[in-house]
Each structure stands twice: as structure tokens, then as C-alpha cells.
Amino acid sequence: MKLWTIVLGVALTGAVTTASAQSASLVEQGKAAFVNQGCYGCHTLGKTGTPIAPDLFHVGAKHDHAYLTRWLQDPSSQEPAHMPKLQLTEPEVAALAAYLSSLQ
């Protein structure tokens, strides 16, 4: 029984490590997409960017991942909506939502 517990613990630790690495990779992809899509042209992150639209420095603390995903897919579905609908692929939406969610 102890051996089974150890094996299960090691397996779960490996799964968590893999999930954490994938999550970190997705956040990095989202950070790159933020730059590549020119989001900083309207938004700020702290002192970086253009203060036309809201500062996103702590957006992950204000909105959950599901909200951010919906917002990126169709900004007009959220209130208030002054952001144009961007031509983002599903992988870009997933990466940007992961990145924005990480901004606590």
C-alpha cells in the first residue's frame, strides 16, 4: 500500500509539473501575443503602453479567466465595450486569456 501511495504521489507531482510548465508556456505565448497584436497601443501595463484604454496591470485580479476569454472573443458582448473585435485565432485567445489572468 505504501508503494502504491508513493507511485501515485510521484505520478501526480509529474502531472502537476507538466501542467505548470504548459500553463507557464501559454502565459509566455500570451505575453508575446499582447506585444505582437499591438495591445499596448491602447492599453497600459503599469507604466508601459498607451493610456487610451484601461490599465491591464491587475486585470487578472478583477476578472476571471472565462470572462477574459469571452471578452477577447467578442468585446461587444461585455459591458462597457469600446474595444474593437480583434481577428484572433482560438490559440491566441487562449494564450492572451492565460496571460491576462496571470496579471494579478
PDB file of N, CA and C in Angstrom:
ATOM      1  N   MET A   1       0.820  -1.197   0.000  1.00  0.00           N
ATOM      2  CA  MET A   1       0.000   0.000   0.000  1.00  0.00           C
ATOM      3  C   MET A   1       0.862   1.259   0.000  1.00  0.00           C
ATOM      4  N   LYS A   2       1.966   1.252   0.776  1.00  0.00           N
ATOM      5  CA  LYS A   2       2.837   2.423   0.809  1.00  0.00           C
ATOM      6  C   LYS A   2       3.475   2.662  -0.554  1.00  0.00           C
ATOM      7  N   LEU A   3       3.881   1.589  -1.225  1.00  0.00           N
ATOM      8  CA  LEU A   3       4.494   1.728  -2.543  1.00  0.00           C
ATOM      9  C   LEU A   3       3.503   2.352  -3.518  1.00  0.00           C
ATOM     10  N   TRP A   4       2.243   1.905  -3.484  1.00  0.00           N
ATOM     11  CA  TRP A   4       1.221   2.464  -4.356  1.00  0.00           C
ATOM     12  C   TRP A   4       1.028   3.958  -4.075  1.00  0.00           C
ATOM     13  N   THR A   5       1.045   4.353  -2.820  1.00  0.00           N
ATOM     14  CA  THR A   5       0.898   5.753  -2.438  1.00  0.00           C
ATOM     15  C   THR A   5       2.062   6.576  -2.967  1.00  0.00           C
ATOM     16  N   ILE A   6       3.268   6.024  -2.880  1.00  0.00           N
ATOM     17  CA  ILE A   6       4.454   6.728  -3.378  1.00  0.00           C
ATOM     18  C   ILE A   6       4.383   6.865  -4.895  1.00  0.00           C
ATOM     19  N   VAL A   7       4.025   5.795  -5.585  1.00  0.00           N
ATOM     20  CA  VAL A   7       3.917   5.832  -7.047  1.00  0.00           C
ATOM     21  C   VAL A   7       2.861   6.844  -7.473  1.00  0.00           C
ATOM     22  N   LEU A   8       1.714   6.846  -6.828  1.00  0.00           N
ATOM     23  CA  LEU A   8       0.654   7.795  -7.144  1.00  0.00           C
ATOM     24  C   LEU A   8       1.119   9.224  -6.880  1.00  0.00           C
ATOM     25  N   GLY A   9       1.801   9.435  -5.767  1.00  0.00           N
ATOM     26  CA  GLY A   9       2.318  10.766  -5.438  1.00  0.00           C
ATOM     27  C   GLY A   9       3.300  11.265  -6.474  1.00  0.00           C
ATOM     28  N   VAL A  10       4.201  10.410  -6.911  1.00  0.00           N
ATOM     29  CA  VAL A  10       5.182  10.789  -7.937  1.00  0.00           C
ATOM     30  C   VAL A  10       4.470  11.088  -9.248  1.00  0.00           C
ATOM     31  N   ALA A  11       3.486  10.279  -9.619  1.00  0.00           N
ATOM     32  CA  ALA A  11       2.736  10.494 -10.858  1.00  0.00           C
ATOM     33  C   ALA A  11       1.992  11.822 -10.821  1.00  0.00           C
ATOM     34  N   LEU A  12       1.355  12.106  -9.695  1.00  0.00           N
ATOM     35  CA  LEU A  12       0.619  13.368  -9.562  1.00  0.00           C
ATOM     36  C   LEU A  12       1.560  14.556  -9.587  1.00  0.00           C
ATOM     37  N   THR A  13       2.717  14.440  -8.951  1.00  0.00           N
ATOM     38  CA  THR A  13       3.698  15.518  -8.960  1.00  0.00           C
ATOM     39  C   THR A  13       4.157  15.791 -10.388  1.00  0.00           C
ATOM     40  N   GLY A  14       4.392  14.730 -11.150  1.00  0.00           N
ATOM     41  CA  GLY A  14       4.790  14.887 -12.551  1.00  0.00           C
ATOM     42  C   GLY A  14       3.708  15.551 -13.370  1.00  0.00           C
ATOM     43  N   ALA A  15       2.454  15.177 -13.130  1.00  0.00           N
ATOM     44  CA  ALA A  15       1.334  15.768 -13.858  1.00  0.00           C
ATOM     45  C   ALA A  15       1.195  17.248 -13.517  1.00  0.00           C
ATOM     46  N   VAL A  16       1.352  17.586 -12.242  1.00  0.00           N
ATOM     47  CA  VAL A  16       1.260  18.987 -11.828  1.00  0.00           C
ATOM     48  C   VAL A  16       2.400  19.790 -12.430  1.00  0.00           C
ATOM     49  N   THR A  17       3.609  19.225 -12.428  1.00  0.00           N
ATOM     50  CA  THR A  17       4.761  19.909 -13.019  1.00  0.00           C
ATOM     51  C   THR A  17       4.542  20.132 -14.506  1.00  0.00           C
ATOM     52  N   THR A  18       4.038  19.132 -15.211  1.00  0.00           N
ATOM     53  CA  THR A  18       3.764  19.266 -16.638  1.00  0.00           C
ATOM     54  C   THR A  18       2.689  20.310 -16.877  1.00  0.00           C
ATOM     55  N   ALA A  19       1.628  20.299 -16.088  1.00  0.00           N
ATOM     56  CA  ALA A  19       0.556  21.280 -16.227  1.00  0.00           C
ATOM     57  C   ALA A  19       1.078  22.685 -15.936  1.00  0.00           C
ATOM     58  N   SER A  20       1.928  22.815 -14.935  1.00  0.00           N
ATOM     59  CA  SER A  20       2.502  24.113 -14.607  1.00  0.00           C
ATOM     60  C   SER A  20       3.383  24.621 -15.736  1.00  0.00           C
ATOM     61  N   ALA A  21       4.166  23.730 -16.330  1.00  0.00           N
ATOM     62  CA  ALA A  21       5.035  24.116 -17.443  1.00  0.00           C
ATOM     63  C   ALA A  21       4.196  24.529 -18.645  1.00  0.00           C
ATOM     64  N   GLN A  22       3.120  23.783 -18.928  1.00  0.00           N
ATOM     65  CA  GLN A  22       2.248  24.142 -20.043  1.00  0.00           C
ATOM     66  C   GLN A  22       1.564  25.473 -19.784  1.00  0.00           C
ATOM     67  N   SER A  23       1.137  25.692 -18.554  1.00  0.00           N
ATOM     68  CA  SER A  23       0.492  26.941 -18.183  1.00  0.00           C
ATOM     69  C   SER A  23       1.462  28.108 -18.327  1.00  0.00           C
ATOM     70  N   ALA A  24       2.690  27.925 -17.853  1.00  0.00           N
ATOM     71  CA  ALA A  24       3.704  28.969 -17.964  1.00  0.00           C
ATOM     72  C   ALA A  24       4.005  29.263 -19.431  1.00  0.00           C
ATOM     73  N   SER A  25       4.053  28.222 -20.249  1.00  0.00           N
ATOM     74  CA  SER A  25       4.306  28.393 -21.675  1.00  0.00           C
ATOM     75  C   SER A  25       3.163  29.170 -22.328  1.00  0.00           C
ATOM     76  N   LEU A  26       1.935  28.865 -21.957  1.00  0.00           N
ATOM     77  CA  LEU A  26       0.781  29.559 -22.500  1.00  0.00           C
ATOM     78  C   LEU A  26       0.792  31.030 -22.094  1.00  0.00           C
ATOM     79  N   VAL A  27       1.177  31.306 -20.862  1.00  0.00           N
ATOM     80  CA  VAL A  27       1.281  32.689 -20.391  1.00  0.00           C
ATOM     81  C   VAL A  27       2.342  33.436 -21.206  1.00  0.00           C
ATOM     82  N   GLU A  28       3.479  32.793 -21.456  1.00  0.00           N
ATOM     83  CA  GLU A  28       4.535  33.416 -22.265  1.00  0.00           C
ATOM     84  C   GLU A  28       4.049  33.671 -23.691  1.00  0.00           C
ATOM     85  N   GLN A  29       3.300  32.723 -24.247  1.00  0.00           N
ATOM     86  CA  GLN A  29       2.737  32.910 -25.588  1.00  0.00           C
ATOM     87  C   GLN A  29       1.759  34.086 -25.582  1.00  0.00           C
ATOM     88  N   GLY A  30       0.987  34.205 -24.520  1.00  0.00           N
ATOM     89  CA  GLY A  30       0.041  35.310 -24.392  1.00  0.00           C
ATOM     90  C   GLY A  30       0.743  36.648 -24.267  1.00  0.00           C
ATOM     91  N   LYS A  31       1.832  36.662 -23.546  1.00  0.00           N
ATOM     92  CA  LYS A  31       2.626  37.894 -23.410  1.00  0.00           C
ATOM     93  C   LYS A  31       3.150  38.315 -24.777  1.00  0.00           C
ATOM     94  N   ALA A  32       3.624  37.344 -25.547  1.00  0.00           N
ATOM     95  CA  ALA A  32       4.119  37.638 -26.899  1.00  0.00           C
ATOM     96  C   ALA A  32       2.973  38.115 -27.790  1.00  0.00           C
ATOM     97  N   ALA A  33       1.811  37.492 -27.672  1.00  0.00           N
ATOM     98  CA  ALA A  33       0.649  37.899 -28.467  1.00  0.00           C
ATOM     99  C   ALA A  33       0.226  39.318 -28.105  1.00  0.00           C
ATOM    100  N   PHE A  34       0.311  39.678 -26.831  1.00  0.00           N
ATOM    101  CA  PHE A  34      -0.027  41.034 -26.383  1.00  0.00           C
ATOM    102  C   PHE A  34       0.831  42.052 -27.129  1.00  0.00           C
ATOM    103  N   VAL A  35       2.100  41.753 -27.265  1.00  0.00           N
ATOM    104  CA  VAL A  35       3.017  42.643 -27.976  1.00  0.00           C
ATOM    105  C   VAL A  35       2.758  42.575 -29.483  1.00  0.00           C
ATOM    106  N   ASN A  36       2.678  41.365 -30.027  1.00  0.00           N
ATOM    107  CA  ASN A  36       2.513  41.184 -31.471  1.00  0.00           C
ATOM    108  C   ASN A  36       1.201  41.754 -32.001  1.00  0.00           C
ATOM    109  N   GLN A  37       0.148  41.693 -31.195  1.00  0.00           N
ATOM    110  CA  GLN A  37      -1.152  42.225 -31.604  1.00  0.00           C
ATOM    111  C   GLN A  37      -1.250  43.732 -31.379  1.00  0.00           C
ATOM    112  N   GLY A  38      -0.245  44.309 -30.730  1.00  0.00           N
ATOM    113  CA  GLY A  38      -0.229  45.752 -30.504  1.00  0.00           C
ATOM    114  C   GLY A  38      -1.181  46.220 -29.421  1.00  0.00           C
ATOM    115  N   CYS A  39      -1.506  45.356 -28.475  1.00  0.00           N
ATOM    116  CA  CYS A  39      -2.439  45.714 -27.403  1.00  0.00           C
ATOM    117  C   CYS A  39      -1.951  46.926 -26.607  1.00  0.00           C
ATOM    118  N   TYR A  40      -0.629  47.072 -26.514  1.00  0.00           N
ATOM    119  CA  TYR A  40      -0.037  48.194 -25.781  1.00  0.00           C
ATOM    120  C   TYR A  40      -0.305  49.527 -26.474  1.00  0.00           C
ATOM    121  N   GLY A  41      -0.812  49.480 -27.714  1.00  0.00           N
ATOM    122  CA  GLY A  41      -1.147  50.705 -28.435  1.00  0.00           C
ATOM    123  C   GLY A  41      -2.330  51.431 -27.806  1.00  0.00           C
ATOM    124  N   CYS A  42      -3.145  50.711 -27.063  1.00  0.00           N
ATOM    125  CA  CYS A  42      -4.293  51.305 -26.365  1.00  0.00           C
ATOM    126  C   CYS A  42      -4.229  51.093 -24.861  1.00  0.00           C
ATOM    127  N   HIS A  43      -3.684  49.946 -24.445  1.00  0.00           N
ATOM    128  CA  HIS A  43      -3.664  49.585 -23.026  1.00  0.00           C
ATOM    129  C   HIS A  43      -2.292  49.811 -22.417  1.00  0.00           C
ATOM    130  N   THR A  44      -2.294  50.057 -21.128  1.00  0.00           N
ATOM    131  CA  THR A  44      -1.049  50.117 -20.365  1.00  0.00           C
ATOM    132  C   THR A  44      -0.962  48.893 -19.475  1.00  0.00           C
ATOM    133  N   LEU A  45       0.258  48.561 -19.141  1.00  0.00           N
ATOM    134  CA  LEU A  45       0.572  47.563 -18.119  1.00  0.00           C
ATOM    135  C   LEU A  45       1.496  48.292 -17.160  1.00  0.00           C
ATOM    136  N   GLY A  46       0.902  48.884 -16.139  1.00  0.00           N
ATOM    137  CA  GLY A  46       1.698  49.722 -15.255  1.00  0.00           C
ATOM    138  C   GLY A  46       2.048  51.006 -15.981  1.00  0.00           C
ATOM    139  N   LYS A  47       3.345  51.228 -16.204  1.00  0.00           N
ATOM    140  CA  LYS A  47       3.797  52.461 -16.857  1.00  0.00           C
ATOM    141  C   LYS A  47       4.120  52.266 -18.338  1.00  0.00           C
ATOM    142  N   THR A  48       3.902  51.058 -18.857  1.00  0.00           N
ATOM    143  CA  THR A  48       4.228  50.766 -20.247  1.00  0.00           C
ATOM    144  C   THR A  48       2.962  50.724 -21.084  1.00  0.00           C
ATOM    145  N   GLY A  49       2.992  51.352 -22.244  1.00  0.00           N
ATOM    146  CA  GLY A  49       1.855  51.337 -23.152  1.00  0.00           C
ATOM    147  C   GLY A  49       1.234  52.711 -23.300  1.00  0.00           C
ATOM    148  N   THR A  50       0.059  52.740 -23.912  1.00  0.00           N
ATOM    149  CA  THR A  50      -0.642  53.986 -24.190  1.00  0.00           C
ATOM    150  C   THR A  50      -1.933  54.020 -23.378  1.00  0.00           C
ATOM    151  N   PRO A  51      -2.133  55.080 -22.597  1.00  0.00           N
ATOM    152  CA  PRO A  51      -3.301  55.128 -21.697  1.00  0.00           C
ATOM    153  C   PRO A  51      -4.604  55.573 -22.363  1.00  0.00           C
ATOM    154  N   ILE A  52      -4.955  54.941 -23.491  1.00  0.00           N
ATOM    155  CA  ILE A  52      -6.240  55.236 -24.138  1.00  0.00           C
ATOM    156  C   ILE A  52      -7.327  54.369 -23.504  1.00  0.00           C
ATOM    157  N   ALA A  53      -7.004  53.104 -23.311  1.00  0.00           N
ATOM    158  CA  ALA A  53      -7.929  52.126 -22.732  1.00  0.00           C
ATOM    159  C   ALA A  53      -7.464  51.786 -21.312  1.00  0.00           C
ATOM    160  N   PRO A  54      -8.221  50.987 -20.581  1.00  0.00           N
ATOM    161  CA  PRO A  54      -7.869  50.672 -19.192  1.00  0.00           C
ATOM    162  C   PRO A  54      -6.495  50.019 -19.024  1.00  0.00           C
ATOM    163  N   ASP A  55      -5.886  50.312 -17.896  1.00  0.00           N
ATOM    164  CA  ASP A  55      -4.638  49.666 -17.497  1.00  0.00           C
ATOM    165  C   ASP A  55      -4.957  48.205 -17.175  1.00  0.00           C
ATOM    166  N   LEU A  56      -4.179  47.298 -17.703  1.00  0.00           N
ATOM    167  CA  LEU A  56      -4.437  45.869 -17.521  1.00  0.00           C
ATOM    168  C   LEU A  56      -3.495  45.227 -16.509  1.00  0.00           C
ATOM    169  N   PHE A  57      -2.762  46.033 -15.758  1.00  0.00           N
ATOM    170  CA  PHE A  57      -1.744  45.514 -14.850  1.00  0.00           C
ATOM    171  C   PHE A  57      -2.293  44.500 -13.844  1.00  0.00           C
ATOM    172  N   HIS A  58      -3.508  44.698 -13.349  1.00  0.00           N
ATOM    173  CA  HIS A  58      -4.118  43.783 -12.372  1.00  0.00           C
ATOM    174  C   HIS A  58      -5.430  43.195 -12.886  1.00  0.00           C
ATOM    175  N   VAL A  59      -5.583  43.091 -14.191  1.00  0.00           N
ATOM    176  CA  VAL A  59      -6.852  42.635 -14.765  1.00  0.00           C
ATOM    177  C   VAL A  59      -7.208  41.222 -14.323  1.00  0.00           C
ATOM    178  N   GLY A  60      -6.217  40.379 -14.072  1.00  0.00           N
ATOM    179  CA  GLY A  60      -6.472  39.009 -13.635  1.00  0.00           C
ATOM    180  C   GLY A  60      -7.073  38.930 -12.245  1.00  0.00           C
ATOM    181  N   ALA A  61      -6.863  39.962 -11.441  1.00  0.00           N
ATOM    182  CA  ALA A  61      -7.458  40.011 -10.104  1.00  0.00           C
ATOM    183  C   ALA A  61      -8.899  40.532 -10.170  1.00  0.00           C
ATOM    184  N   LYS A  62      -9.229  41.229 -11.248  1.00  0.00           N
ATOM    185  CA  LYS A  62     -10.559  41.824 -11.382  1.00  0.00           C
ATOM    186  C   LYS A  62     -11.544  40.923 -12.127  1.00  0.00           C
ATOM    187  N   HIS A  63     -11.016  40.131 -13.080  1.00  0.00           N
ATOM    188  CA  HIS A  63     -11.884  39.297 -13.926  1.00  0.00           C
ATOM    189  C   HIS A  63     -11.323  37.889 -13.999  1.00  0.00           C
ATOM    190  N   ASP A  64     -12.214  36.898 -14.030  1.00  0.00           N
ATOM    191  CA  ASP A  64     -11.762  35.513 -14.122  1.00  0.00           C
ATOM    192  C   ASP A  64     -11.414  35.137 -15.564  1.00  0.00           C
ATOM    193  N   HIS A  65     -10.807  33.983 -15.700  1.00  0.00           N
ATOM    194  CA  HIS A  65     -10.320  33.511 -16.997  1.00  0.00           C
ATOM    195  C   HIS A  65     -11.455  33.404 -18.018  1.00  0.00           C
ATOM    196  N   ALA A  66     -12.604  32.905 -17.610  1.00  0.00           N
ATOM    197  CA  ALA A  66     -13.740  32.749 -18.525  1.00  0.00           C
ATOM    198  C   ALA A  66     -14.212  34.104 -19.064  1.00  0.00           C
ATOM    199  N   TYR A  67     -14.295  35.098 -18.196  1.00  0.00           N
ATOM    200  CA  TYR A  67     -14.693  36.445 -18.621  1.00  0.00           C
ATOM    201  C   TYR A  67     -13.698  36.983 -19.632  1.00  0.00           C
ATOM    202  N   LEU A  68     -12.400  36.845 -19.334  1.00  0.00           N
ATOM    203  CA  LEU A  68     -11.370  37.371 -20.235  1.00  0.00           C
ATOM    204  C   LEU A  68     -11.409  36.670 -21.597  1.00  0.00           C
ATOM    205  N   THR A  69     -11.681  35.382 -21.586  1.00  0.00           N
ATOM    206  CA  THR A  69     -11.802  34.640 -22.845  1.00  0.00           C
ATOM    207  C   THR A  69     -12.969  35.181 -23.666  1.00  0.00           C
ATOM    208  N   ARG A  70     -14.130  35.346 -23.039  1.00  0.00           N
ATOM    209  CA  ARG A  70     -15.302  35.889 -23.752  1.00  0.00           C
ATOM    210  C   ARG A  70     -15.013  37.293 -24.268  1.00  0.00           C
ATOM    211  N   TRP A  71     -14.361  38.092 -23.458  1.00  0.00           N
ATOM    212  CA  TRP A  71     -14.052  39.473 -23.820  1.00  0.00           C
ATOM    213  C   TRP A  71     -13.140  39.514 -25.043  1.00  0.00           C
ATOM    214  N   LEU A  72     -12.127  38.654 -25.071  1.00  0.00           N
ATOM    215  CA  LEU A  72     -11.216  38.624 -26.212  1.00  0.00           C
ATOM    216  C   LEU A  72     -11.904  38.097 -27.472  1.00  0.00           C
ATOM    217  N   GLN A  73     -12.823  37.154 -27.318  1.00  0.00           N
ATOM    218  CA  GLN A  73     -13.539  36.599 -28.465  1.00  0.00           C
ATOM    219  C   GLN A  73     -14.517  37.606 -29.058  1.00  0.00           C
ATOM    220  N   ASP A  74     -15.192  38.370 -28.189  1.00  0.00           N
ATOM    221  CA  ASP A  74     -16.187  39.332 -28.648  1.00  0.00           C
ATOM    222  C   ASP A  74     -16.345  40.446 -27.623  1.00  0.00           C
ATOM    223  N   PRO A  75     -15.523  41.483 -27.736  1.00  0.00           N
ATOM    224  CA  PRO A  75     -15.572  42.578 -26.743  1.00  0.00           C
ATOM    225  C   PRO A  75     -16.948  43.229 -26.625  1.00  0.00           C
ATOM    226  N   SER A  76     -17.724  43.239 -27.701  1.00  0.00           N
ATOM    227  CA  SER A  76     -19.037  43.899 -27.635  1.00  0.00           C
ATOM    228  C   SER A  76     -20.041  43.125 -26.783  1.00  0.00           C
ATOM    229  N   SER A  77     -19.710  41.874 -26.430  1.00  0.00           N
ATOM    230  CA  SER A  77     -20.612  41.096 -25.574  1.00  0.00           C
ATOM    231  C   SER A  77     -20.465  41.471 -24.104  1.00  0.00           C
ATOM    232  N   GLN A  78     -19.473  42.263 -23.773  1.00  0.00           N
ATOM    233  CA  GLN A  78     -19.220  42.678 -22.396  1.00  0.00           C
ATOM    234  C   GLN A  78     -19.568  44.165 -22.255  1.00  0.00           C
ATOM    235  N   GLU A  79     -19.890  44.562 -21.071  1.00  0.00           N
ATOM    236  CA  GLU A  79     -20.221  45.970 -20.823  1.00  0.00           C
ATOM    237  C   GLU A  79     -19.177  46.615 -19.937  1.00  0.00           C
ATOM    238  N   PRO A  80     -18.765  47.821 -20.149  1.00  0.00           N
ATOM    239  CA  PRO A  80     -18.916  48.573 -21.389  1.00  0.00           C
ATOM    240  C   PRO A  80     -17.933  48.048 -22.434  1.00  0.00           C
ATOM    241  N   ALA A  81     -18.237  48.265 -23.682  1.00  0.00           N
ATOM    242  CA  ALA A  81     -17.389  47.735 -24.749  1.00  0.00           C
ATOM    243  C   ALA A  81     -16.982  48.851 -25.704  1.00  0.00           C
ATOM    244  N   HIS A  82     -15.737  49.252 -25.595  1.00  0.00           N
ATOM    245  CA  HIS A  82     -15.199  50.253 -26.515  1.00  0.00           C
ATOM    246  C   HIS A  82     -14.078  49.651 -27.345  1.00  0.00           C
ATOM    247  N   MET A  83     -13.754  48.402 -27.056  1.00  0.00           N
ATOM    248  CA  MET A  83     -12.664  47.727 -27.748  1.00  0.00           C
ATOM    249  C   MET A  83     -13.199  47.099 -29.035  1.00  0.00           C
ATOM    250  N   PRO A  84     -12.467  47.261 -30.128  1.00  0.00           N
ATOM    251  CA  PRO A  84     -12.913  46.618 -31.372  1.00  0.00           C
ATOM    252  C   PRO A  84     -12.720  45.110 -31.305  1.00  0.00           C
ATOM    253  N   LYS A  85     -13.478  44.394 -32.119  1.00  0.00           N
ATOM    254  CA  LYS A  85     -13.306  42.949 -32.192  1.00  0.00           C
ATOM    255  C   LYS A  85     -12.023  42.682 -32.978  1.00  0.00           C
ATOM    256  N   LEU A  86     -11.135  41.934 -32.362  1.00  0.00           N
ATOM    257  CA  LEU A  86      -9.857  41.616 -32.978  1.00  0.00           C
ATOM    258  C   LEU A  86      -9.962  40.301 -33.737  1.00  0.00           C
ATOM    259  N   GLN A  87      -9.166  40.162 -34.744  1.00  0.00           N
ATOM    260  CA  GLN A  87      -9.128  38.924 -35.521  1.00  0.00           C
ATOM    261  C   GLN A  87      -8.116  37.983 -34.868  1.00  0.00           C
ATOM    262  N   LEU A  88      -8.516  37.360 -33.764  1.00  0.00           N
ATOM    263  CA  LEU A  88      -7.646  36.464 -33.016  1.00  0.00           C
ATOM    264  C   LEU A  88      -8.028  35.018 -33.292  1.00  0.00           C
ATOM    265  N   THR A  89      -7.018  34.166 -33.395  1.00  0.00           N
ATOM    266  CA  THR A  89      -7.280  32.742 -33.514  1.00  0.00           C
ATOM    267  C   THR A  89      -7.625  32.203 -32.126  1.00  0.00           C
ATOM    268  N   GLU A  90      -8.216  31.026 -32.070  1.00  0.00           N
ATOM    269  CA  GLU A  90      -8.529  30.416 -30.774  1.00  0.00           C
ATOM    270  C   GLU A  90      -7.264  30.217 -29.929  1.00  0.00           C
ATOM    271  N   PRO A  91      -6.135  29.764 -30.510  1.00  0.00           N
ATOM    272  CA  PRO A  91      -4.912  29.654 -29.702  1.00  0.00           C
ATOM    273  C   PRO A  91      -4.438  31.011 -29.163  1.00  0.00           C
ATOM    274  N   GLU A  92      -4.605  32.074 -29.955  1.00  0.00           N
ATOM    275  CA  GLU A  92      -4.223  33.407 -29.476  1.00  0.00           C
ATOM    276  C   GLU A  92      -5.136  33.848 -28.335  1.00  0.00           C
ATOM    277  N   VAL A  93      -6.431  33.586 -28.460  1.00  0.00           N
ATOM    278  CA  VAL A  93      -7.380  33.918 -27.391  1.00  0.00           C
ATOM    279  C   VAL A  93      -6.995  33.171 -26.117  1.00  0.00           C
ATOM    280  N   ALA A  94      -6.714  31.873 -26.248  1.00  0.00           N
ATOM    281  CA  ALA A  94      -6.352  31.062 -25.075  1.00  0.00           C
ATOM    282  C   ALA A  94      -5.084  31.591 -24.427  1.00  0.00           C
ATOM    283  N   ALA A  95      -4.098  31.935 -25.240  1.00  0.00           N
ATOM    284  CA  ALA A  95      -2.826  32.433 -24.704  1.00  0.00           C
ATOM    285  C   ALA A  95      -3.006  33.808 -24.068  1.00  0.00           C
ATOM    286  N   LEU A  96      -3.710  34.701 -24.734  1.00  0.00           N
ATOM    287  CA  LEU A  96      -3.939  36.039 -24.163  1.00  0.00           C
ATOM    288  C   LEU A  96      -4.755  35.968 -22.875  1.00  0.00           C
ATOM    289  N   ALA A  97      -5.758  35.114 -22.849  1.00  0.00           N
ATOM    290  CA  ALA A  97      -6.561  34.958 -21.618  1.00  0.00           C
ATOM    291  C   ALA A  97      -5.704  34.420 -20.487  1.00  0.00           C
ATOM    292  N   ALA A  98      -4.819  33.480 -20.785  1.00  0.00           N
ATOM    293  CA  ALA A  98      -3.918  32.947 -19.758  1.00  0.00           C
ATOM    294  C   ALA A  98      -2.990  34.040 -19.256  1.00  0.00           C
ATOM    295  N   TYR A  99      -2.441  34.842 -20.172  1.00  0.00           N
ATOM    296  CA  TYR A  99      -1.542  35.926 -19.787  1.00  0.00           C
ATOM    297  C   TYR A  99      -2.269  36.972 -18.946  1.00  0.00           C
ATOM    298  N   LEU A 100      -3.425  37.422 -19.427  1.00  0.00           N
ATOM    299  CA  LEU A 100      -4.164  38.441 -18.686  1.00  0.00           C
ATOM    300  C   LEU A 100      -4.622  37.920 -17.331  1.00  0.00           C
ATOM    301  N   SER A 101      -4.983  36.653 -17.259  1.00  0.00           N
ATOM    302  CA  SER A 101      -5.376  36.051 -15.978  1.00  0.00           C
ATOM    303  C   SER A 101      -4.225  36.032 -14.993  1.00  0.00           C
ATOM    304  N   SER A 102      -3.013  35.957 -15.521  1.00  0.00           N
ATOM    305  CA  SER A 102      -1.825  35.904 -14.650  1.00  0.00           C
ATOM    306  C   SER A 102      -1.471  37.265 -14.061  1.00  0.00           C
ATOM    307  N   LEU A 103      -2.068  38.316 -14.598  1.00  0.00           N
ATOM    308  CA  LEU A 103      -1.756  39.671 -14.136  1.00  0.00           C
ATOM    309  C   LEU A 103      -2.571  39.974 -12.886  1.00  0.00           C
ATOM    310  N   GLN A 104      -2.042  39.591 -11.775  1.00  0.00           N
ATOM    311  CA  GLN A 104      -2.725  39.760 -10.505  1.00  0.00           C
ATOM    312  C   GLN A 104      -2.237  41.023  -9.827  1.00  0.00           C
TER     313      GLN A 104
END
